[in-house]
Amino acid sequence: MAKLQEKRQDVDRPDADPADRTPVRAVRRALDLLALLCEDQSQSLSDLARSSGLPVSTVLRLLNTMEQAGFARREGRSGTFGPGNRLLQAGLSALRRTSLYDLAEAPLRRLAQQSGETANLAVRVDAEHATYLRVAVSPRSVHYAAWLGRVLPRARTAVGQALDGKSGPAGYVCRRDTLERDVTAVAAPVRDASGEIVAALSITGPSFRIRDEDLPHLGQLLRGEAMNLSHALGAGDSAD
């Protein structure tokens, strides 16, 4: 019994044989692959292998397993892969359980109506990326294409700077031509009960319509709605 216990402890040690941690590594690879499936439109096997840094044979094996479980879907004759129905169901279920998602509906709708531009709720994905969790599309016929669910870099973007607490004394951030040419974005941070920044609200639209003189007005709209959403999440006056 003592020898068996020692062996189990050895497996848990950081310097244990990597082969002993293979199942955990496989799970991590599968989860990373699922994240890639959700990033963009359907992708080919070679695209997924290149993005993940894994051998094609490993990616194919993981995709076959995920396809059988309903978490990945093969797109007919094109040979590309996308998220399966079970992955979509899991994502929708997670959204329904997120109070931030529900609470942001009204502020986003008001921002889109008052600004005439697309309003977004963004959250962190990791240390370098964010994603749009919820979007209210502009009522105008010409508007910024919504990037709902797509991963975007935090560096140099308005929502990234807002999420990183770089909104400054004005309480909002303005950026032009960062992810797409001729697109302007304005963003403000949202805080939770602990005072931590957990999300950002943003307005995005074509630069020809968002002039420099419009930025302070849009910034104040965003700052006000971000403060309201922060208070709904339990943030105190320090969120102001």
Protein backbone atom coordinates (compact mmCIF):
# COMPACT_ATOMS: atom_id res chain seq x y z
CA MET A 1 0.00 0.00 0.00
CA ALA A 2 2.85 2.37 0.89
CA LYS A 3 4.53 1.77 -2.49
CA LEU A 4 1.25 2.40 -4.32
CA GLN A 5 0.78 5.68 -2.48
CA GLU A 6 4.31 6.78 -3.32
CA LYS A 7 3.70 6.03 -6.99
CA ARG A 8 0.55 8.19 -7.02
CA GLN A 9 2.47 11.04 -5.44
CA ASP A 10 5.17 10.72 -8.09
CA VAL A 11 2.55 11.14 -10.85
CA ASP A 12 1.38 14.40 -9.29
CA ARG A 13 4.89 15.85 -9.10
CA PRO A 14 5.82 18.46 -11.77
CA ASP A 15 8.94 16.44 -12.64
CA ALA A 16 7.01 13.20 -13.16
CA ASP A 17 7.28 11.38 -16.48
CA PRO A 18 5.34 13.41 -19.13
CA ALA A 19 3.78 10.18 -20.37
CA ASP A 20 1.90 9.95 -17.06
CA ARG A 21 0.17 13.25 -17.82
CA THR A 22 -0.77 12.37 -21.40
CA PRO A 23 -4.57 12.21 -20.75
CA VAL A 24 -4.53 15.72 -19.26
CA ARG A 25 -2.49 16.99 -22.20
CA ALA A 26 -4.97 15.42 -24.64
CA VAL A 27 -7.87 17.14 -22.90
CA ARG A 28 -6.05 20.48 -23.13
CA ARG A 29 -5.39 19.95 -26.82
CA ALA A 30 -9.04 19.06 -27.44
CA LEU A 31 -10.24 22.18 -25.57
CA ASP A 32 -7.84 24.39 -27.51
CA LEU A 33 -9.12 22.86 -30.73
CA LEU A 34 -12.72 23.54 -29.70
CA ALA A 35 -11.79 27.18 -29.14
CA LEU A 36 -10.33 27.34 -32.65
CA LEU A 37 -13.53 25.89 -34.12
CA CYS A 38 -15.45 28.79 -32.56
CA GLU A 39 -13.13 31.56 -33.74
CA ASP A 40 -14.19 31.98 -37.34
CA GLN A 41 -15.99 30.32 -40.21
CA SER A 42 -15.45 26.64 -40.93
CA GLN A 43 -11.76 25.77 -41.24
CA SER A 44 -9.87 23.04 -43.06
CA LEU A 45 -7.87 20.34 -41.35
CA SER A 46 -4.59 21.98 -42.40
CA ASP A 47 -5.76 25.38 -41.10
CA LEU A 48 -6.61 23.91 -37.71
CA ALA A 49 -3.30 22.05 -37.55
CA ARG A 50 -1.38 25.22 -38.40
CA SER A 51 -3.30 27.36 -35.87
CA SER A 52 -3.00 24.79 -33.08
CA GLY A 53 0.62 23.86 -33.77
CA LEU A 54 -0.31 20.17 -33.67
CA PRO A 55 0.40 17.44 -36.23
CA VAL A 56 -2.34 16.89 -38.79
CA SER A 57 -2.77 13.30 -37.61
CA THR A 58 -3.35 14.46 -34.01
CA VAL A 59 -5.87 17.11 -35.08
CA LEU A 60 -7.74 14.62 -37.24
CA ARG A 61 -7.92 12.09 -34.40
CA LEU A 62 -9.27 14.73 -32.00
CA LEU A 63 -11.75 16.03 -34.58
CA ASN A 64 -13.07 12.54 -35.26
CA THR A 65 -13.68 12.03 -31.54
CA MET A 66 -15.36 15.42 -31.18
CA GLU A 67 -17.46 14.80 -34.27
CA GLN A 68 -18.72 11.51 -32.85
CA ALA A 69 -19.62 13.31 -29.61
CA GLY A 70 -21.41 16.12 -31.47
CA PHE A 71 -18.93 18.88 -30.56
CA ALA A 72 -17.53 19.25 -34.08
CA ARG A 73 -19.19 19.09 -37.48
CA ARG A 74 -17.73 18.17 -40.89
CA GLU A 75 -18.98 20.45 -43.66
CA GLY A 76 -19.99 18.01 -46.38
CA ARG A 77 -17.66 17.76 -49.38
CA SER A 78 -15.66 20.88 -48.53
CA GLY A 79 -13.59 19.01 -45.96
CA THR A 80 -13.84 21.84 -43.47
CA PHE A 81 -14.91 21.69 -39.83
CA GLY A 82 -17.13 23.83 -37.64
CA PRO A 83 -18.76 23.72 -34.19
CA GLY A 84 -21.23 20.88 -33.69
CA ASN A 85 -24.71 21.09 -32.22
CA ARG A 86 -23.63 20.02 -28.72
CA LEU A 87 -21.00 22.76 -28.65
CA LEU A 88 -23.59 25.33 -29.74
CA GLN A 89 -25.99 24.08 -27.07
CA ALA A 90 -23.29 24.32 -24.41
CA GLY A 91 -22.47 27.87 -25.46
CA LEU A 92 -26.09 28.98 -25.36
CA SER A 93 -26.58 27.33 -21.98
CA ALA A 94 -23.52 29.14 -20.61
CA LEU A 95 -24.83 32.47 -21.92
CA ARG A 96 -28.18 31.95 -20.23
CA ARG A 97 -26.39 31.42 -16.92
CA THR A 98 -24.36 34.62 -17.24
CA SER A 99 -26.03 37.55 -15.48
CA LEU A 100 -23.73 39.96 -17.32
CA TYR A 101 -25.13 38.77 -20.64
CA ASP A 102 -28.72 39.34 -19.52
CA LEU A 103 -28.07 42.65 -17.79
CA ALA A 104 -26.32 44.07 -20.86
CA GLU A 105 -29.32 43.67 -23.16
CA ALA A 106 -31.05 46.96 -22.30
CA PRO A 107 -27.86 49.11 -22.19
CA LEU A 108 -26.75 47.78 -25.57
CA ARG A 109 -30.16 48.45 -27.10
CA ARG A 110 -30.16 52.02 -25.77
CA LEU A 111 -26.62 52.64 -27.01
CA ALA A 112 -27.48 51.42 -30.52
CA GLN A 113 -30.61 53.56 -30.64
CA GLN A 114 -29.03 56.72 -29.22
CA SER A 115 -25.80 56.52 -31.21
CA GLY A 116 -27.15 54.99 -34.40
CA GLU A 117 -24.15 52.64 -34.39
CA THR A 118 -23.49 49.03 -33.40
CA ALA A 119 -23.07 48.49 -29.65
CA ASN A 120 -21.04 45.60 -28.21
CA LEU A 121 -20.36 43.83 -24.93
CA ALA A 122 -16.79 42.50 -24.80
CA VAL A 123 -15.09 40.21 -22.26
CA ARG A 124 -11.57 38.82 -21.88
CA VAL A 125 -10.62 35.51 -23.45
CA ASP A 126 -7.04 35.39 -22.18
CA ALA A 127 -4.12 37.72 -21.50
CA GLU A 128 -4.00 38.92 -25.10
CA HIS A 129 -7.50 38.50 -26.53
CA ALA A 130 -11.14 39.49 -26.03
CA THR A 131 -14.43 38.56 -27.67
CA TYR A 132 -17.80 40.17 -28.27
CA LEU A 133 -20.28 38.38 -26.01
CA ARG A 134 -23.39 40.31 -27.06
CA VAL A 135 -24.18 42.82 -29.82
CA ALA A 136 -26.96 45.27 -30.69
CA VAL A 137 -26.69 46.03 -34.40
CA SER A 138 -27.00 49.59 -35.70
CA PRO A 139 -30.47 50.50 -37.01
CA ARG A 140 -28.86 52.11 -40.09
CA SER A 141 -28.58 50.30 -43.40
CA VAL A 142 -24.83 50.98 -43.56
CA HIS A 143 -23.20 49.82 -40.35
CA TYR A 144 -20.24 48.03 -38.83
CA ALA A 145 -20.44 44.24 -39.29
CA ALA A 146 -20.95 42.59 -35.89
CA TRP A 147 -18.14 40.28 -34.74
CA LEU A 148 -20.23 38.31 -32.26
CA GLY A 149 -18.18 35.47 -30.79
CA ARG A 150 -15.03 36.25 -32.75
CA VAL A 151 -11.73 36.58 -30.95
CA LEU A 152 -9.94 39.92 -31.30
CA PRO A 153 -6.61 41.22 -30.00
CA ARG A 154 -6.67 43.47 -26.93
CA ALA A 155 -3.56 45.36 -28.02
CA ARG A 156 -4.32 48.71 -29.67
CA THR A 157 -8.11 48.16 -29.67
CA ALA A 158 -10.63 50.29 -27.81
CA VAL A 159 -12.24 47.37 -25.96
CA GLY A 160 -8.81 45.95 -25.14
CA GLN A 161 -7.65 49.18 -23.57
CA ALA A 162 -10.93 49.51 -21.66
CA LEU A 163 -10.58 45.93 -20.37
CA ASP A 164 -7.00 46.69 -19.36
CA GLY A 165 -8.05 49.76 -17.36
CA LYS A 166 -6.47 52.28 -19.75
CA SER A 167 -9.54 54.46 -20.27
CA GLY A 168 -7.98 57.37 -18.37
CA PRO A 169 -9.78 60.20 -16.55
CA ALA A 170 -12.38 60.58 -19.31
CA GLY A 171 -13.68 57.08 -18.56
CA TYR A 172 -13.62 55.91 -22.17
CA VAL A 173 -11.20 55.05 -25.01
CA CYS A 174 -11.36 56.00 -28.69
CA ARG A 175 -9.53 54.19 -31.49
CA ARG A 176 -9.63 54.52 -35.26
CA ASP A 177 -8.66 52.02 -37.98
CA THR A 178 -7.41 49.26 -35.66
CA LEU A 179 -9.05 45.98 -36.69
CA GLU A 180 -10.53 47.24 -39.94
CA ARG A 181 -9.85 50.29 -42.07
CA ASP A 182 -12.30 53.18 -41.84
CA VAL A 183 -13.86 51.84 -38.61
CA THR A 184 -13.90 53.82 -35.36
CA ALA A 185 -14.53 52.34 -31.91
CA VAL A 186 -15.23 53.89 -28.53
CA ALA A 187 -15.26 51.76 -25.35
CA ALA A 188 -15.74 52.04 -21.58
CA PRO A 189 -15.00 49.51 -18.79
CA VAL A 190 -17.58 47.62 -16.71
CA ARG A 191 -16.78 46.58 -13.13
CA ASP A 192 -18.22 43.97 -10.77
CA ALA A 193 -18.94 44.09 -7.02
CA SER A 194 -15.24 43.74 -6.21
CA GLY A 195 -14.35 46.72 -8.39
CA GLU A 196 -12.56 44.57 -10.96
CA ILE A 197 -13.04 45.25 -14.67
CA VAL A 198 -15.02 42.29 -16.04
CA ALA A 199 -16.22 43.61 -19.40
CA ALA A 200 -16.33 46.60 -21.72
CA LEU A 201 -19.12 48.30 -23.63
CA SER A 202 -18.24 49.71 -27.03
CA ILE A 203 -19.72 51.52 -30.01
CA THR A 204 -18.33 50.78 -33.47
CA GLY A 205 -19.17 52.45 -36.76
CA PRO A 206 -17.76 53.76 -40.03
CA SER A 207 -15.23 56.54 -39.53
CA PHE A 208 -16.88 58.81 -42.09
CA ARG A 209 -19.93 58.99 -39.83
CA ILE A 210 -18.14 59.21 -36.46
CA ARG A 211 -16.37 62.56 -36.59
CA ASP A 212 -13.89 63.82 -34.02
CA GLU A 213 -16.51 66.17 -32.59
CA ASP A 214 -18.86 63.17 -32.06
CA LEU A 215 -16.41 61.24 -29.88
CA PRO A 216 -17.04 63.07 -26.55
CA HIS A 217 -20.80 62.53 -26.89
CA LEU A 218 -20.40 58.83 -27.69
CA GLY A 219 -17.89 58.49 -24.88
CA GLN A 220 -20.29 59.97 -22.36
CA LEU A 221 -23.10 57.71 -23.57
CA LEU A 222 -20.84 54.69 -23.08
CA ARG A 223 -19.51 55.84 -19.73
CA GLY A 224 -23.05 56.33 -18.41
CA GLU A 225 -24.28 52.92 -19.56
CA ALA A 226 -21.09 51.24 -18.32
CA MET A 227 -21.62 52.80 -14.90
CA ASN A 228 -25.25 51.64 -14.85
CA LEU A 229 -24.24 48.11 -15.79
CA SER A 230 -21.46 48.16 -13.17
CA HIS A 231 -23.95 49.18 -10.48
CA ALA A 232 -26.30 46.38 -11.61
CA LEU A 233 -23.40 43.96 -11.05
CA GLY A 234 -22.94 45.29 -7.52
CA ALA A 235 -20.16 47.82 -8.06
CA GLY A 236 -20.14 50.80 -5.71
CA ASP A 237 -19.53 54.46 -6.41
CA SER A 238 -15.84 53.72 -7.00
CA ALA A 239 -16.90 52.32 -10.39
CA ASP A 240 -17.76 55.87 -11.39
